[in-house]
N, C-alpha and C. Protein backbone atom coordinates (compact mmCIF):
# COMPACT_ATOMS: atom_id res chain seq x y z
N MET A 1 -56.21 20.02 146.44
CA MET A 1 -55.51 19.49 145.30
C MET A 1 -54.01 19.65 145.54
N THR A 2 -53.25 18.61 145.31
CA THR A 2 -51.81 18.65 145.55
C THR A 2 -51.12 19.45 144.45
N ASP A 3 -49.88 19.82 144.72
CA ASP A 3 -49.09 20.56 143.73
C ASP A 3 -48.90 19.76 142.46
N THR A 4 -48.71 18.46 142.59
CA THR A 4 -48.52 17.60 141.43
C THR A 4 -49.78 17.57 140.57
N ALA A 5 -50.94 17.46 141.21
CA ALA A 5 -52.20 17.43 140.47
C ALA A 5 -52.42 18.75 139.74
N VAL A 6 -52.08 19.86 140.37
CA VAL A 6 -52.22 21.17 139.73
C VAL A 6 -51.29 21.25 138.52
N LEU A 7 -50.06 20.76 138.67
CA LEU A 7 -49.09 20.78 137.57
C LEU A 7 -49.57 19.91 136.41
N VAL A 8 -50.08 18.72 136.71
CA VAL A 8 -50.58 17.84 135.66
C VAL A 8 -51.75 18.49 134.94
N ARG A 9 -52.65 19.10 135.67
CA ARG A 9 -53.79 19.78 135.05
C ARG A 9 -53.31 20.93 134.17
N ARG A 10 -52.34 21.69 134.63
CA ARG A 10 -51.82 22.82 133.86
C ARG A 10 -51.17 22.34 132.57
N VAL A 11 -50.41 21.25 132.63
CA VAL A 11 -49.77 20.71 131.44
C VAL A 11 -50.83 20.29 130.42
N ARG A 12 -51.88 19.66 130.87
CA ARG A 12 -52.95 19.25 129.96
C ARG A 12 -53.61 20.46 129.30
N LEU A 13 -53.76 21.54 130.02
CA LEU A 13 -54.39 22.74 129.47
C LEU A 13 -53.47 23.48 128.51
N ASP A 14 -52.16 23.30 128.63
CA ASP A 14 -51.21 24.04 127.81
C ASP A 14 -50.80 23.29 126.55
N ARG A 15 -51.38 22.16 126.27
CA ARG A 15 -51.03 21.40 125.08
C ARG A 15 -51.45 22.15 123.82
N ALA A 16 -50.66 21.96 122.77
CA ALA A 16 -50.97 22.61 121.50
C ALA A 16 -52.23 22.01 120.89
N ASP A 17 -53.09 22.85 120.38
CA ASP A 17 -54.32 22.41 119.74
C ASP A 17 -54.16 22.39 118.22
N HIS A 18 -55.14 21.83 117.56
CA HIS A 18 -55.20 21.81 116.10
C HIS A 18 -55.27 23.26 115.60
N SER A 19 -54.56 23.57 114.52
CA SER A 19 -54.58 24.92 113.97
C SER A 19 -54.74 24.86 112.45
N THR A 20 -55.97 24.99 112.00
CA THR A 20 -56.24 24.97 110.56
C THR A 20 -55.56 26.14 109.87
N VAL A 21 -55.64 27.31 110.47
CA VAL A 21 -54.99 28.50 109.89
C VAL A 21 -53.48 28.29 109.79
N GLY A 22 -52.87 27.74 110.82
CA GLY A 22 -51.44 27.48 110.81
C GLY A 22 -51.05 26.48 109.74
N ILE A 23 -51.85 25.44 109.57
CA ILE A 23 -51.57 24.43 108.55
C ILE A 23 -51.68 25.05 107.15
N VAL A 24 -52.71 25.84 106.92
CA VAL A 24 -52.88 26.47 105.61
C VAL A 24 -51.74 27.44 105.32
N LEU A 25 -51.38 28.27 106.29
CA LEU A 25 -50.29 29.23 106.08
C LEU A 25 -48.96 28.52 105.82
N ALA A 26 -48.69 27.47 106.57
CA ALA A 26 -47.45 26.72 106.37
C ALA A 26 -47.43 26.05 105.00
N ALA A 27 -48.57 25.52 104.56
CA ALA A 27 -48.65 24.88 103.25
C ALA A 27 -48.46 25.90 102.12
N VAL A 28 -49.09 27.06 102.26
CA VAL A 28 -48.91 28.12 101.25
C VAL A 28 -47.45 28.56 101.20
N SER A 29 -46.86 28.73 102.36
CA SER A 29 -45.44 29.10 102.42
C SER A 29 -44.56 28.05 101.76
N LEU A 30 -44.88 26.80 102.01
CA LEU A 30 -44.11 25.69 101.42
C LEU A 30 -44.24 25.67 99.90
N LEU A 31 -45.35 26.13 99.38
CA LEU A 31 -45.54 26.18 97.93
C LEU A 31 -44.91 27.43 97.30
N VAL A 32 -44.98 28.56 97.98
CA VAL A 32 -44.53 29.83 97.41
C VAL A 32 -43.02 30.05 97.56
N MET A 33 -42.46 29.69 98.69
CA MET A 33 -41.06 30.01 98.98
C MET A 33 -40.05 29.44 97.98
N PRO A 34 -40.18 28.19 97.52
CA PRO A 34 -39.19 27.71 96.55
C PRO A 34 -39.18 28.53 95.25
N ALA A 35 -40.37 28.89 94.75
CA ALA A 35 -40.44 29.71 93.53
C ALA A 35 -39.85 31.09 93.77
N LEU A 36 -40.13 31.66 94.93
CA LEU A 36 -39.57 32.96 95.26
C LEU A 36 -38.05 32.89 95.37
N SER A 37 -37.55 31.85 95.99
CA SER A 37 -36.11 31.67 96.12
C SER A 37 -35.45 31.55 94.75
N TYR A 38 -36.05 30.76 93.89
CA TYR A 38 -35.51 30.59 92.54
C TYR A 38 -35.48 31.92 91.79
N ALA A 39 -36.57 32.68 91.87
CA ALA A 39 -36.63 33.98 91.20
C ALA A 39 -35.60 34.95 91.77
N GLN A 40 -35.43 34.96 93.08
CA GLN A 40 -34.42 35.83 93.71
C GLN A 40 -33.02 35.44 93.26
N ARG A 41 -32.73 34.15 93.24
CA ARG A 41 -31.40 33.68 92.84
C ARG A 41 -31.11 34.06 91.38
N ARG A 42 -32.10 33.83 90.53
CA ARG A 42 -31.94 34.15 89.11
C ARG A 42 -31.72 35.65 88.89
N ALA A 43 -32.51 36.46 89.57
CA ALA A 43 -32.36 37.91 89.45
C ALA A 43 -31.02 38.37 90.03
N GLY A 44 -30.63 37.79 91.16
CA GLY A 44 -29.36 38.16 91.78
C GLY A 44 -28.18 37.84 90.89
N ARG A 45 -28.22 36.68 90.25
CA ARG A 45 -27.13 36.32 89.34
C ARG A 45 -27.12 37.21 88.11
N ALA A 46 -28.30 37.52 87.59
CA ALA A 46 -28.39 38.39 86.41
C ALA A 46 -27.87 39.79 86.71
N LEU A 47 -28.12 40.24 87.93
CA LEU A 47 -27.67 41.58 88.33
C LEU A 47 -26.25 41.58 88.90
N GLY A 48 -25.69 40.40 89.11
CA GLY A 48 -24.37 40.31 89.73
C GLY A 48 -24.39 40.73 91.19
N SER A 49 -25.52 40.48 91.86
CA SER A 49 -25.70 40.90 93.25
C SER A 49 -25.56 39.71 94.19
N ALA A 50 -24.44 39.67 94.90
CA ALA A 50 -24.21 38.59 95.86
C ALA A 50 -25.23 38.64 97.00
N SER A 51 -25.65 39.84 97.39
CA SER A 51 -26.62 39.94 98.48
C SER A 51 -27.98 39.38 98.07
N ALA A 52 -28.39 39.57 96.82
CA ALA A 52 -29.66 39.01 96.36
C ALA A 52 -29.58 37.49 96.30
N VAL A 53 -28.43 36.96 95.89
CA VAL A 53 -28.25 35.50 95.85
C VAL A 53 -28.27 34.95 97.28
N ALA A 54 -27.62 35.66 98.20
CA ALA A 54 -27.62 35.23 99.61
C ALA A 54 -29.04 35.26 100.17
N ASP A 55 -29.79 36.29 99.81
CA ASP A 55 -31.17 36.39 100.29
C ASP A 55 -32.00 35.23 99.74
N SER A 56 -31.70 34.79 98.52
CA SER A 56 -32.44 33.65 97.95
C SER A 56 -32.18 32.38 98.75
N LYS A 57 -30.97 32.25 99.28
CA LYS A 57 -30.66 31.08 100.10
C LYS A 57 -31.39 31.14 101.43
N GLN A 58 -31.55 32.33 101.98
CA GLN A 58 -32.32 32.47 103.21
C GLN A 58 -33.80 32.17 102.97
N THR A 59 -34.30 32.57 101.81
CA THR A 59 -35.68 32.25 101.46
C THR A 59 -35.86 30.74 101.31
N LEU A 60 -34.86 30.07 100.73
CA LEU A 60 -34.92 28.62 100.62
C LEU A 60 -34.91 27.97 102.01
N LEU A 61 -34.15 28.55 102.95
CA LEU A 61 -34.15 28.06 104.32
C LEU A 61 -35.56 28.18 104.91
N CYS A 62 -36.27 29.25 104.58
CA CYS A 62 -37.65 29.42 105.04
C CYS A 62 -38.53 28.28 104.53
N THR A 63 -38.22 27.76 103.35
CA THR A 63 -38.97 26.62 102.82
C THR A 63 -38.81 25.42 103.73
N TYR A 64 -37.57 25.15 104.13
CA TYR A 64 -37.31 24.01 105.01
C TYR A 64 -38.00 24.21 106.36
N LEU A 65 -37.96 25.42 106.87
CA LEU A 65 -38.61 25.70 108.16
C LEU A 65 -40.12 25.54 108.04
N SER A 66 -40.68 25.94 106.92
CA SER A 66 -42.12 25.74 106.70
C SER A 66 -42.47 24.27 106.66
N ALA A 67 -41.59 23.46 106.08
CA ALA A 67 -41.82 22.01 106.04
C ALA A 67 -41.80 21.42 107.44
N VAL A 68 -40.87 21.87 108.28
CA VAL A 68 -40.81 21.39 109.67
C VAL A 68 -42.07 21.81 110.41
N LEU A 69 -42.46 23.06 110.24
CA LEU A 69 -43.67 23.56 110.89
C LEU A 69 -44.90 22.78 110.44
N LEU A 70 -45.04 22.58 109.13
CA LEU A 70 -46.19 21.86 108.62
C LEU A 70 -46.21 20.42 109.13
N THR A 71 -45.06 19.80 109.23
CA THR A 71 -44.98 18.43 109.77
C THR A 71 -45.46 18.40 111.22
N GLY A 72 -44.96 19.34 112.03
CA GLY A 72 -45.38 19.38 113.44
C GLY A 72 -46.87 19.62 113.60
N LEU A 73 -47.38 20.59 112.85
CA LEU A 73 -48.82 20.88 112.93
C LEU A 73 -49.66 19.73 112.39
N GLY A 74 -49.19 19.12 111.30
CA GLY A 74 -49.94 18.02 110.70
C GLY A 74 -49.99 16.80 111.59
N VAL A 75 -48.86 16.44 112.18
CA VAL A 75 -48.82 15.28 113.07
C VAL A 75 -49.71 15.52 114.29
N ASN A 76 -49.65 16.73 114.83
CA ASN A 76 -50.51 17.06 115.97
C ASN A 76 -51.98 16.96 115.58
N SER A 77 -52.30 17.47 114.41
CA SER A 77 -53.70 17.47 113.98
C SER A 77 -54.20 16.07 113.63
N LEU A 78 -53.39 15.30 112.92
CA LEU A 78 -53.82 13.97 112.46
C LEU A 78 -53.84 12.92 113.57
N PHE A 79 -52.80 12.93 114.40
CA PHE A 79 -52.64 11.85 115.38
C PHE A 79 -52.86 12.30 116.82
N GLY A 80 -53.02 13.62 117.03
CA GLY A 80 -53.20 14.12 118.38
C GLY A 80 -51.92 14.10 119.20
N TRP A 81 -50.79 14.01 118.55
CA TRP A 81 -49.50 14.01 119.26
C TRP A 81 -49.14 15.45 119.57
N TRP A 82 -49.60 15.95 120.70
CA TRP A 82 -49.44 17.34 121.08
C TRP A 82 -47.98 17.75 121.13
N TRP A 83 -47.08 16.83 121.39
CA TRP A 83 -45.67 17.14 121.56
C TRP A 83 -44.97 17.37 120.21
N ALA A 84 -45.60 17.04 119.09
CA ALA A 84 -44.97 17.21 117.78
C ALA A 84 -44.78 18.69 117.44
N ASP A 85 -45.74 19.52 117.81
CA ASP A 85 -45.64 20.96 117.52
C ASP A 85 -44.49 21.60 118.31
N PRO A 86 -44.38 21.38 119.62
CA PRO A 86 -43.22 21.93 120.34
C PRO A 86 -41.89 21.34 119.86
N LEU A 87 -41.89 20.08 119.45
CA LEU A 87 -40.67 19.47 118.91
C LEU A 87 -40.26 20.18 117.62
N ALA A 88 -41.22 20.49 116.77
CA ALA A 88 -40.93 21.24 115.54
C ALA A 88 -40.35 22.62 115.89
N ALA A 89 -40.89 23.24 116.93
CA ALA A 89 -40.36 24.54 117.36
C ALA A 89 -38.91 24.43 117.82
N LEU A 90 -38.57 23.35 118.49
CA LEU A 90 -37.17 23.14 118.90
C LEU A 90 -36.25 22.95 117.70
N VAL A 91 -36.72 22.24 116.69
CA VAL A 91 -35.92 22.07 115.46
C VAL A 91 -35.70 23.43 114.80
N ILE A 92 -36.75 24.22 114.71
CA ILE A 92 -36.64 25.56 114.11
C ILE A 92 -35.67 26.42 114.92
N ALA A 93 -35.75 26.33 116.24
CA ALA A 93 -34.83 27.10 117.09
C ALA A 93 -33.38 26.67 116.88
N ALA A 94 -33.16 25.37 116.74
CA ALA A 94 -31.80 24.88 116.50
C ALA A 94 -31.25 25.40 115.18
N VAL A 95 -32.09 25.41 114.15
CA VAL A 95 -31.66 25.94 112.85
C VAL A 95 -31.35 27.43 112.97
N ALA A 96 -32.18 28.16 113.70
CA ALA A 96 -31.95 29.59 113.87
C ALA A 96 -30.65 29.86 114.62
N VAL A 97 -30.35 29.07 115.63
CA VAL A 97 -29.10 29.23 116.37
C VAL A 97 -27.91 28.95 115.45
N ARG A 98 -28.01 27.88 114.67
CA ARG A 98 -26.92 27.55 113.73
C ARG A 98 -26.69 28.68 112.73
N GLU A 99 -27.77 29.20 112.17
CA GLU A 99 -27.65 30.30 111.21
C GLU A 99 -27.06 31.54 111.86
N GLY A 100 -27.48 31.81 113.08
CA GLY A 100 -26.96 32.96 113.81
C GLY A 100 -25.47 32.83 114.09
N ARG A 101 -25.04 31.64 114.48
CA ARG A 101 -23.61 31.41 114.74
C ARG A 101 -22.79 31.57 113.47
N GLU A 102 -23.30 31.05 112.35
CA GLU A 102 -22.59 31.20 111.09
C GLU A 102 -22.49 32.67 110.68
N ALA A 103 -23.57 33.41 110.88
CA ALA A 103 -23.55 34.83 110.54
C ALA A 103 -22.59 35.59 111.46
N TRP A 104 -22.57 35.23 112.72
CA TRP A 104 -21.68 35.89 113.69
C TRP A 104 -20.22 35.67 113.31
N ARG A 105 -19.91 34.45 112.86
CA ARG A 105 -18.52 34.14 112.44
C ARG A 105 -18.19 34.75 111.10
N GLY A 106 -19.21 35.21 110.37
CA GLY A 106 -18.98 35.80 109.06
C GLY A 106 -18.83 34.77 107.96
N ASP A 107 -19.36 33.57 108.19
CA ASP A 107 -19.29 32.54 107.16
C ASP A 107 -20.04 32.99 105.92
N ASP A 108 -19.43 32.77 104.79
CA ASP A 108 -20.03 33.15 103.51
C ASP A 108 -21.07 32.12 103.13
N CYS A 109 -22.26 32.56 102.80
CA CYS A 109 -23.33 31.61 102.49
C CYS A 109 -23.39 31.28 101.01
N CYS A 110 -22.68 32.00 100.20
CA CYS A 110 -22.82 31.82 98.74
C CYS A 110 -21.62 31.14 98.15
């Protein structure tokens, strides 16, 4: 077997599979996180706590990340587009890098 054939076979074996557990967890997260973010923001404002309000914004960001994850898993599951899941991971990584850079610069989130 040539090196190319081995590589092609390995790529086929490494494709993302359907994940019912992942889809359910992402859907639950997508439903719970907005309510949690709202409650955190409301409590933070009532307490005058900027850190609690900032944490609520991070929780809201988790909602968006859950939506990206659910989209990637759903597209892979429904259409068999194995590349949708890794693409979603790249989007999540880009968001994480952006958030990290903003935190490093000390940008105020609130």
